Amino acid sequence: MDLVTIAIVSFLAAGLTLFSGFGLGTILLPAFAIFFSVEIAIALTAIVHLLNNLFKLQLFWKNIDSKVLMKFGVPAIIASYFGAVLMVNLSGLKPIYAYSIGGNNFEILPIKVVIGILLNLFALAEILPSIKALSFNKKYLPLGGILSGFFGGLSGHQGALRAAFLLRAGMTKEGFIATGVAVACLIDTIRLFKYGTASLADSISSNYIILVTAIMAAFAGSFFGARLVKKVTINSFQITVAIMLFIFANLMIAGIL
């Protein structure tokens, strides 16, 4: 029954990205966190995100802007490692607080607090027009790489920041897509390498059947969803998803999830 539930949730979560405007990682992370610890959910999301972007990369790799990739991608790679180190260190910290409600015990964990706060912030950024419209001069590309890489390594939330800094880099639409995907692949590779050197590797390998099921279901959701509708953002639906993310994030912070 767990496999069926995970498959359904992963399928629906991936399909939601086509309607809500949220990135695949933003929606899949909470979905996976229902079944796994936060650190495993982050690693699993990184695997799906990397595989999905590798597929995109083979379609657009010829359009990669090498100059932008160097200015933005190199700082992003370095920063992503430190973000991943922080995630691994947070996962090993003891609970901040423990409490009981109705005979049920709950713990507030540092890693859940940090990821919950980030989910709140990035969900908010996706629905506020003033934030979504932000863009930065190309002279700030190295800074953008550092910020995008660090948060990408920590929780996987890199898309919004990456887009804000790459939009005014003077690239074509194809170059913007290709360079962004290339950077995402590099960040995912670095953080998975760091996650894999920690005890997370054992946890992932011991749950490989569940993980493969989740990955295949997520790809199926994206595949069939893409054939039903064009990728558009429905504002009311986007707000609904954002509210769900807010609820999930704060339940995570409180230690209930």
C-alpha atoms as a PDB file:
ATOM      1  CA  MET A   1       0.000   0.000   0.000  1.00  0.00           C
ATOM      2  CA  ASP A   2       2.896   2.383   0.748  1.00  0.00           C
ATOM      3  CA  LEU A   3       4.253   1.921  -2.766  1.00  0.00           C
ATOM      4  CA  VAL A   4       0.853   2.691  -4.292  1.00  0.00           C
ATOM      5  CA  THR A   5       0.438   5.796  -2.128  1.00  0.00           C
ATOM      6  CA  ILE A   6       3.934   7.042  -2.926  1.00  0.00           C
ATOM      7  CA  ALA A   7       3.381   6.454  -6.639  1.00  0.00           C
ATOM      8  CA  ILE A   8       0.076   8.376  -6.634  1.00  0.00           C
ATOM      9  CA  VAL A   9       1.456  11.309  -4.632  1.00  0.00           C
ATOM     10  CA  SER A  10       4.607  11.530  -6.787  1.00  0.00           C
ATOM     11  CA  PHE A  11       2.552  11.321  -9.986  1.00  0.00           C
ATOM     12  CA  LEU A  12       0.202  14.098  -8.877  1.00  0.00           C
ATOM     13  CA  ALA A  13       2.991  16.281  -7.490  1.00  0.00           C
ATOM     14  CA  ALA A  14       4.918  16.187 -10.766  1.00  0.00           C
ATOM     15  CA  GLY A  15       1.738  16.903 -12.728  1.00  0.00           C
ATOM     16  CA  LEU A  16       1.002  19.932 -10.531  1.00  0.00           C
ATOM     17  CA  THR A  17       4.098  21.709 -11.810  1.00  0.00           C
ATOM     18  CA  LEU A  18       2.387  22.092 -15.205  1.00  0.00           C
ATOM     19  CA  PHE A  19      -0.483  24.072 -13.719  1.00  0.00           C
ATOM     20  CA  SER A  20       0.896  25.852 -10.684  1.00  0.00           C
ATOM     21  CA  GLY A  21       4.063  27.477 -12.020  1.00  0.00           C
ATOM     22  CA  PHE A  22       6.091  25.979  -9.162  1.00  0.00           C
ATOM     23  CA  GLY A  23       9.239  24.043  -9.952  1.00  0.00           C
ATOM     24  CA  LEU A  24       9.361  20.258  -9.809  1.00  0.00           C
ATOM     25  CA  GLY A  25      11.666  20.273  -6.788  1.00  0.00           C
ATOM     26  CA  THR A  26       9.502  22.717  -4.823  1.00  0.00           C
ATOM     27  CA  ILE A  27       6.447  20.458  -5.051  1.00  0.00           C
ATOM     28  CA  LEU A  28       8.174  17.072  -4.905  1.00  0.00           C
ATOM     29  CA  LEU A  29      10.139  17.868  -1.737  1.00  0.00           C
ATOM     30  CA  PRO A  30       7.035  18.161   0.492  1.00  0.00           C
ATOM     31  CA  ALA A  31       5.482  15.125  -1.229  1.00  0.00           C
ATOM     32  CA  PHE A  32       8.532  12.953  -0.540  1.00  0.00           C
ATOM     33  CA  ALA A  33       8.907  14.379   2.983  1.00  0.00           C
ATOM     34  CA  ILE A  34       5.551  12.799   3.866  1.00  0.00           C
ATOM     35  CA  PHE A  35       7.128   9.351   3.486  1.00  0.00           C
ATOM     36  CA  PHE A  36      10.810   9.957   4.250  1.00  0.00           C
ATOM     37  CA  SER A  37      12.927  11.987   6.645  1.00  0.00           C
ATOM     38  CA  VAL A  38      13.621  15.510   5.372  1.00  0.00           C
ATOM     39  CA  GLU A  39      17.228  14.768   4.411  1.00  0.00           C
ATOM     40  CA  ILE A  40      16.207  11.685   2.408  1.00  0.00           C
ATOM     41  CA  ALA A  41      13.391  13.655   0.776  1.00  0.00           C
ATOM     42  CA  ILE A  42      15.899  16.335  -0.270  1.00  0.00           C
ATOM     43  CA  ALA A  43      18.265  13.731  -1.737  1.00  0.00           C
ATOM     44  CA  LEU A  44      15.449  11.950  -3.563  1.00  0.00           C
ATOM     45  CA  THR A  45      14.175  15.215  -4.990  1.00  0.00           C
ATOM     46  CA  ALA A  46      17.712  15.997  -6.152  1.00  0.00           C
ATOM     47  CA  ILE A  47      17.878  12.698  -8.032  1.00  0.00           C
ATOM     48  CA  VAL A  48      14.578  13.324  -9.842  1.00  0.00           C
ATOM     49  CA  HIS A  49      15.551  16.930 -10.520  1.00  0.00           C
ATOM     50  CA  LEU A  50      18.942  15.940 -11.936  1.00  0.00           C
ATOM     51  CA  LEU A  51      17.549  13.216 -14.200  1.00  0.00           C
ATOM     52  CA  ASN A  52      14.837  15.546 -15.469  1.00  0.00           C
ATOM     53  CA  ASN A  53      17.371  18.295 -16.215  1.00  0.00           C
ATOM     54  CA  LEU A  54      19.797  15.901 -17.912  1.00  0.00           C
ATOM     55  CA  PHE A  55      17.001  15.054 -20.328  1.00  0.00           C
ATOM     56  CA  LYS A  56      16.460  18.775 -21.012  1.00  0.00           C
ATOM     57  CA  LEU A  57      20.200  19.346 -21.351  1.00  0.00           C
ATOM     58  CA  GLN A  58      20.563  16.940 -24.238  1.00  0.00           C
ATOM     59  CA  LEU A  59      17.975  18.994 -26.121  1.00  0.00           C
ATOM     60  CA  PHE A  60      19.504  22.420 -25.517  1.00  0.00           C
ATOM     61  CA  TRP A  61      23.190  21.900 -24.717  1.00  0.00           C
ATOM     62  CA  LYS A  62      24.349  23.561 -27.966  1.00  0.00           C
ATOM     63  CA  ASN A  63      22.823  26.836 -26.780  1.00  0.00           C
ATOM     64  CA  ILE A  64      24.771  27.056 -23.518  1.00  0.00           C
ATOM     65  CA  ASP A  65      26.439  30.466 -23.074  1.00  0.00           C
ATOM     66  CA  SER A  66      29.940  29.508 -21.915  1.00  0.00           C
ATOM     67  CA  LYS A  67      30.789  32.992 -20.579  1.00  0.00           C
ATOM     68  CA  VAL A  68      27.672  33.157 -18.413  1.00  0.00           C
ATOM     69  CA  LEU A  69      28.210  29.567 -17.345  1.00  0.00           C
ATOM     70  CA  MET A  70      31.693  30.457 -16.080  1.00  0.00           C
ATOM     71  CA  LYS A  71      30.647  33.665 -14.296  1.00  0.00           C
ATOM     72  CA  PHE A  72      27.519  32.173 -12.737  1.00  0.00           C
ATOM     73  CA  GLY A  73      28.101  28.416 -12.752  1.00  0.00           C
ATOM     74  CA  VAL A  74      31.543  28.253 -11.119  1.00  0.00           C
ATOM     75  CA  PRO A  75      30.497  30.257  -8.015  1.00  0.00           C
ATOM     76  CA  ALA A  76      27.283  28.214  -7.927  1.00  0.00           C
ATOM     77  CA  ILE A  77      29.174  24.912  -7.881  1.00  0.00           C
ATOM     78  CA  ILE A  78      31.436  26.035  -5.037  1.00  0.00           C
ATOM     79  CA  ALA A  79      28.556  27.473  -3.006  1.00  0.00           C
ATOM     80  CA  SER A  80      26.383  24.395  -3.567  1.00  0.00           C
ATOM     81  CA  TYR A  81      28.977  22.244  -1.832  1.00  0.00           C
ATOM     82  CA  PHE A  82      28.840  24.393   1.290  1.00  0.00           C
ATOM     83  CA  GLY A  83      25.040  24.392   1.165  1.00  0.00           C
ATOM     84  CA  ALA A  84      25.091  20.590   1.021  1.00  0.00           C
ATOM     85  CA  VAL A  85      27.572  20.465   3.911  1.00  0.00           C
ATOM     86  CA  LEU A  86      25.197  22.588   5.992  1.00  0.00           C
ATOM     87  CA  MET A  87      22.274  20.297   5.136  1.00  0.00           C
ATOM     88  CA  VAL A  88      24.203  17.199   6.201  1.00  0.00           C
ATOM     89  CA  ASN A  89      25.322  18.886   9.429  1.00  0.00           C
ATOM     90  CA  LEU A  90      21.795  20.048  10.228  1.00  0.00           C
ATOM     91  CA  SER A  91      20.458  16.521   9.748  1.00  0.00           C
ATOM     92  CA  GLY A  92      22.715  15.313  12.548  1.00  0.00           C
ATOM     93  CA  LEU A  93      21.657  17.879  15.162  1.00  0.00           C
ATOM     94  CA  LYS A  94      19.498  16.958  18.144  1.00  0.00           C
ATOM     95  CA  PRO A  95      15.908  18.240  18.511  1.00  0.00           C
ATOM     96  CA  ILE A  96      15.507  21.843  19.630  1.00  0.00           C
ATOM     97  CA  TYR A  97      12.365  21.083  21.580  1.00  0.00           C
ATOM     98  CA  ALA A  98      10.057  18.150  22.310  1.00  0.00           C
ATOM     99  CA  TYR A  99       6.397  18.281  23.352  1.00  0.00           C
ATOM    100  CA  SER A 100       3.233  16.187  23.525  1.00  0.00           C
ATOM    101  CA  ILE A 101      -0.326  16.770  22.308  1.00  0.00           C
ATOM    102  CA  GLY A 102      -3.088  14.269  23.061  1.00  0.00           C
ATOM    103  CA  GLY A 103      -0.595  11.587  23.957  1.00  0.00           C
ATOM    104  CA  ASN A 104       1.383  12.088  20.714  1.00  0.00           C
ATOM    105  CA  ASN A 105       5.034  13.107  20.954  1.00  0.00           C
ATOM    106  CA  PHE A 106       6.566  15.658  18.597  1.00  0.00           C
ATOM    107  CA  GLU A 107      10.080  17.008  18.099  1.00  0.00           C
ATOM    108  CA  ILE A 108      11.193  20.274  16.560  1.00  0.00           C
ATOM    109  CA  LEU A 109      14.301  19.453  14.527  1.00  0.00           C
ATOM    110  CA  PRO A 110      16.800  22.075  13.258  1.00  0.00           C
ATOM    111  CA  ILE A 111      16.752  20.727   9.702  1.00  0.00           C
ATOM    112  CA  LYS A 112      12.939  20.822   9.564  1.00  0.00           C
ATOM    113  CA  VAL A 113      12.917  24.389  10.865  1.00  0.00           C
ATOM    114  CA  VAL A 114      15.397  25.537   8.205  1.00  0.00           C
ATOM    115  CA  ILE A 115      13.709  23.707   5.314  1.00  0.00           C
ATOM    116  CA  GLY A 116      10.274  24.837   6.510  1.00  0.00           C
ATOM    117  CA  ILE A 117      11.377  28.477   6.538  1.00  0.00           C
ATOM    118  CA  LEU A 118      12.853  28.128   3.045  1.00  0.00           C
ATOM    119  CA  LEU A 119       9.656  26.523   1.745  1.00  0.00           C
ATOM    120  CA  ASN A 120       7.682  29.451   3.147  1.00  0.00           C
ATOM    121  CA  LEU A 121       9.986  32.015   1.569  1.00  0.00           C
ATOM    122  CA  PHE A 122      10.243  30.427  -1.868  1.00  0.00           C
ATOM    123  CA  ALA A 123       6.509  29.676  -2.028  1.00  0.00           C
ATOM    124  CA  LEU A 124       5.867  33.329  -1.217  1.00  0.00           C
ATOM    125  CA  ALA A 125       8.347  34.409  -3.887  1.00  0.00           C
ATOM    126  CA  GLU A 126       6.493  32.368  -6.507  1.00  0.00           C
ATOM    127  CA  ILE A 127       3.131  34.081  -5.955  1.00  0.00           C
ATOM    128  CA  LEU A 128       4.135  37.713  -5.372  1.00  0.00           C
ATOM    129  CA  PRO A 129       4.384  39.544  -8.738  1.00  0.00           C
ATOM    130  CA  SER A 130       6.841  42.105  -7.356  1.00  0.00           C
ATOM    131  CA  ILE A 131       9.278  39.363  -6.376  1.00  0.00           C
ATOM    132  CA  LYS A 132       8.758  37.258  -9.498  1.00  0.00           C
ATOM    133  CA  ALA A 133       9.556  40.282 -11.656  1.00  0.00           C
ATOM    134  CA  LEU A 134      12.928  40.857  -9.986  1.00  0.00           C
ATOM    135  CA  SER A 135      15.997  40.755 -12.188  1.00  0.00           C
ATOM    136  CA  PHE A 136      19.580  41.848 -11.651  1.00  0.00           C
ATOM    137  CA  ASN A 137      22.258  43.400 -13.819  1.00  0.00           C
ATOM    138  CA  LYS A 138      24.663  40.870 -15.313  1.00  0.00           C
ATOM    139  CA  LYS A 139      27.532  42.336 -13.281  1.00  0.00           C
ATOM    140  CA  TYR A 140      25.979  40.530 -10.313  1.00  0.00           C
ATOM    141  CA  LEU A 141      26.186  37.092 -11.954  1.00  0.00           C
ATOM    142  CA  PRO A 142      28.872  35.774  -9.537  1.00  0.00           C
ATOM    143  CA  LEU A 143      26.753  36.860  -6.547  1.00  0.00           C
ATOM    144  CA  GLY A 144      23.722  35.211  -8.117  1.00  0.00           C
ATOM    145  CA  GLY A 145      25.708  32.026  -8.600  1.00  0.00           C
ATOM    146  CA  ILE A 146      26.718  32.001  -4.939  1.00  0.00           C
ATOM    147  CA  LEU A 147      23.157  32.523  -3.685  1.00  0.00           C
ATOM    148  CA  SER A 148      21.545  30.106  -6.120  1.00  0.00           C
ATOM    149  CA  GLY A 149      24.221  27.477  -5.533  1.00  0.00           C
ATOM    150  CA  PHE A 150      24.124  27.701  -1.752  1.00  0.00           C
ATOM    151  CA  PHE A 151      20.359  27.342  -1.461  1.00  0.00           C
ATOM    152  CA  GLY A 152      20.404  24.716  -4.193  1.00  0.00           C
ATOM    153  CA  GLY A 153      22.889  22.674  -2.185  1.00  0.00           C
ATOM    154  CA  LEU A 154      20.999  23.201   1.056  1.00  0.00           C
ATOM    155  CA  SER A 155      17.426  22.436   0.012  1.00  0.00           C
ATOM    156  CA  GLY A 156      17.281  22.328  -3.785  1.00  0.00           C
ATOM    157  CA  HIS A 157      15.560  25.719  -4.057  1.00  0.00           C
ATOM    158  CA  GLN A 158      17.571  27.357  -6.800  1.00  0.00           C
ATOM    159  CA  GLY A 159      15.257  28.057  -9.752  1.00  0.00           C
ATOM    160  CA  ALA A 160      13.785  31.402  -8.711  1.00  0.00           C
ATOM    161  CA  LEU A 161      17.135  32.901  -7.750  1.00  0.00           C
ATOM    162  CA  ARG A 162      18.828  31.508 -10.846  1.00  0.00           C
ATOM    163  CA  ALA A 163      16.220  33.001 -13.162  1.00  0.00           C
ATOM    164  CA  ALA A 164      16.364  36.423 -11.472  1.00  0.00           C
ATOM    165  CA  PHE A 165      20.095  36.706 -12.122  1.00  0.00           C
ATOM    166  CA  LEU A 166      20.165  35.119 -15.602  1.00  0.00           C
ATOM    167  CA  LEU A 167      17.248  37.071 -17.109  1.00  0.00           C
ATOM    168  CA  ARG A 168      19.378  40.147 -17.833  1.00  0.00           C
ATOM    169  CA  ALA A 169      22.537  38.316 -18.840  1.00  0.00           C
ATOM    170  CA  GLY A 170      21.943  39.127 -22.518  1.00  0.00           C
ATOM    171  CA  MET A 171      21.199  35.582 -23.676  1.00  0.00           C
ATOM    172  CA  THR A 172      18.688  34.302 -26.194  1.00  0.00           C
ATOM    173  CA  LYS A 173      15.652  32.399 -24.920  1.00  0.00           C
ATOM    174  CA  GLU A 174      17.374  29.132 -25.866  1.00  0.00           C
ATOM    175  CA  GLY A 175      20.584  30.254 -24.195  1.00  0.00           C
ATOM    176  CA  PHE A 176      18.705  31.192 -21.024  1.00  0.00           C
ATOM    177  CA  ILE A 177      17.082  27.748 -20.859  1.00  0.00           C
ATOM    178  CA  ALA A 178      20.247  25.827 -21.731  1.00  0.00           C
ATOM    179  CA  THR A 179      22.550  27.716 -19.373  1.00  0.00           C
ATOM    180  CA  GLY A 180      20.038  27.533 -16.527  1.00  0.00           C
ATOM    181  CA  VAL A 181      19.591  23.787 -16.982  1.00  0.00           C
ATOM    182  CA  ALA A 182      23.367  23.258 -17.164  1.00  0.00           C
ATOM    183  CA  VAL A 183      23.860  25.137 -13.881  1.00  0.00           C
ATOM    184  CA  ALA A 184      21.049  23.150 -12.247  1.00  0.00           C
ATOM    185  CA  CYS A 185      22.670  19.874 -13.331  1.00  0.00           C
ATOM    186  CA  LEU A 186      26.023  20.949 -11.902  1.00  0.00           C
ATOM    187  CA  ILE A 187      24.485  21.976  -8.571  1.00  0.00           C
ATOM    188  CA  ASP A 188      22.477  18.746  -8.307  1.00  0.00           C
ATOM    189  CA  THR A 189      25.569  16.669  -9.100  1.00  0.00           C
ATOM    190  CA  ILE A 190      27.674  18.395  -6.440  1.00  0.00           C
ATOM    191  CA  ARG A 191      25.034  18.150  -3.727  1.00  0.00           C
ATOM    192  CA  LEU A 192      24.284  14.512  -4.476  1.00  0.00           C
ATOM    193  CA  PHE A 193      28.003  13.789  -4.278  1.00  0.00           C
ATOM    194  CA  LYS A 194      28.130  15.387  -0.835  1.00  0.00           C
ATOM    195  CA  TYR A 195      24.927  13.691   0.309  1.00  0.00           C
ATOM    196  CA  GLY A 196      26.333  10.389  -0.925  1.00  0.00           C
ATOM    197  CA  THR A 197      29.466  10.714   1.149  1.00  0.00           C
ATOM    198  CA  ALA A 198      27.356  10.934   4.291  1.00  0.00           C
ATOM    199  CA  SER A 199      25.135   8.329   5.944  1.00  0.00           C
ATOM    200  CA  LEU A 200      22.348   9.325   3.568  1.00  0.00           C
ATOM    201  CA  ALA A 201      23.712   6.888   1.005  1.00  0.00           C
ATOM    202  CA  ASP A 202      22.879   3.934   3.237  1.00  0.00           C
ATOM    203  CA  SER A 203      19.369   5.181   3.860  1.00  0.00           C
ATOM    204  CA  ILE A 204      18.745   5.695   0.145  1.00  0.00           C
ATOM    205  CA  SER A 205      20.116   2.291  -0.841  1.00  0.00           C
ATOM    206  CA  SER A 206      17.979   0.524   1.780  1.00  0.00           C
ATOM    207  CA  ASN A 207      14.834   2.123   0.339  1.00  0.00           C
ATOM    208  CA  TYR A 208      15.733   1.813  -3.336  1.00  0.00           C
ATOM    209  CA  ILE A 209      12.471   0.098  -4.377  1.00  0.00           C
ATOM    210  CA  ILE A 210      10.421   2.914  -2.887  1.00  0.00           C
ATOM    211  CA  LEU A 211      12.745   5.497  -4.397  1.00  0.00           C
ATOM    212  CA  VAL A 212      12.579   4.001  -7.880  1.00  0.00           C
ATOM    213  CA  THR A 213       8.786   3.852  -7.617  1.00  0.00           C
ATOM    214  CA  ALA A 214       8.655   7.537  -6.654  1.00  0.00           C
ATOM    215  CA  ILE A 215      11.026   8.551  -9.454  1.00  0.00           C
ATOM    216  CA  MET A 216       9.166   6.616 -12.151  1.00  0.00           C
ATOM    217  CA  ALA A 217       5.790   7.947 -10.965  1.00  0.00           C
ATOM    218  CA  ALA A 218       7.107  11.516 -10.969  1.00  0.00           C
ATOM    219  CA  PHE A 219       8.349  11.189 -14.540  1.00  0.00           C
ATOM    220  CA  ALA A 220       5.024   9.644 -15.555  1.00  0.00           C
ATOM    221  CA  GLY A 221       3.179  12.589 -14.006  1.00  0.00           C
ATOM    222  CA  SER A 222       5.281  15.061 -15.982  1.00  0.00           C
ATOM    223  CA  PHE A 223       4.957  13.000 -19.168  1.00  0.00           C
ATOM    224  CA  PHE A 224       1.182  12.650 -19.170  1.00  0.00           C
ATOM    225  CA  GLY A 225       0.569  16.121 -17.787  1.00  0.00           C
ATOM    226  CA  ALA A 226       2.552  17.665 -20.635  1.00  0.00           C
ATOM    227  CA  ARG A 227       0.278  15.932 -23.116  1.00  0.00           C
ATOM    228  CA  LEU A 228      -2.928  17.128 -21.512  1.00  0.00           C
ATOM    229  CA  VAL A 229      -2.217  20.831 -21.289  1.00  0.00           C
ATOM    230  CA  LYS A 230       0.296  23.437 -22.292  1.00  0.00           C
ATOM    231  CA  LYS A 231       2.468  24.661 -19.457  1.00  0.00           C
ATOM    232  CA  VAL A 232       0.438  27.609 -18.217  1.00  0.00           C
ATOM    233  CA  THR A 233       0.009  29.201 -14.841  1.00  0.00           C
ATOM    234  CA  ILE A 234      -3.538  29.351 -13.471  1.00  0.00           C
ATOM    235  CA  ASN A 235      -3.433  32.029 -10.794  1.00  0.00           C
ATOM    236  CA  SER A 236      -6.111  30.638  -8.474  1.00  0.00           C
ATOM    237  CA  PHE A 237      -4.593  27.165  -8.716  1.00  0.00           C
ATOM    238  CA  GLN A 238      -1.133  28.567  -8.036  1.00  0.00           C
ATOM    239  CA  ILE A 239      -2.377  30.298  -4.875  1.00  0.00           C
ATOM    240  CA  THR A 240      -4.007  27.050  -3.711  1.00  0.00           C
ATOM    241  CA  VAL A 241      -0.746  25.159  -4.115  1.00  0.00           C
ATOM    242  CA  ALA A 242       1.128  27.956  -2.335  1.00  0.00           C
ATOM    243  CA  ILE A 243      -1.275  27.757   0.622  1.00  0.00           C
ATOM    244  CA  MET A 244      -0.749  23.986   0.771  1.00  0.00           C
ATOM    245  CA  LEU A 245       3.017  24.550   0.799  1.00  0.00           C
ATOM    246  CA  PHE A 246       2.692  27.118   3.589  1.00  0.00           C
ATOM    247  CA  ILE A 247       0.626  24.703   5.678  1.00  0.00           C
ATOM    248  CA  PHE A 248       3.052  21.857   5.092  1.00  0.00           C
ATOM    249  CA  ALA A 249       6.095  24.023   5.821  1.00  0.00           C
ATOM    250  CA  ASN A 250       4.739  25.255   9.145  1.00  0.00           C
ATOM    251  CA  LEU A 251       3.604  21.793  10.225  1.00  0.00           C
ATOM    252  CA  MET A 252       7.172  20.693   9.465  1.00  0.00           C
ATOM    253  CA  ILE A 253       8.610  23.524  11.535  1.00  0.00           C
ATOM    254  CA  ALA A 254       6.317  22.573  14.412  1.00  0.00           C
ATOM    255  CA  GLY A 255       7.538  18.975  14.231  1.00  0.00           C
ATOM    256  CA  ILE A 256       4.067  17.603  13.453  1.00  0.00           C
ATOM    257  CA  LEU A 257       5.235  16.305  10.062  1.00  0.00           C
END
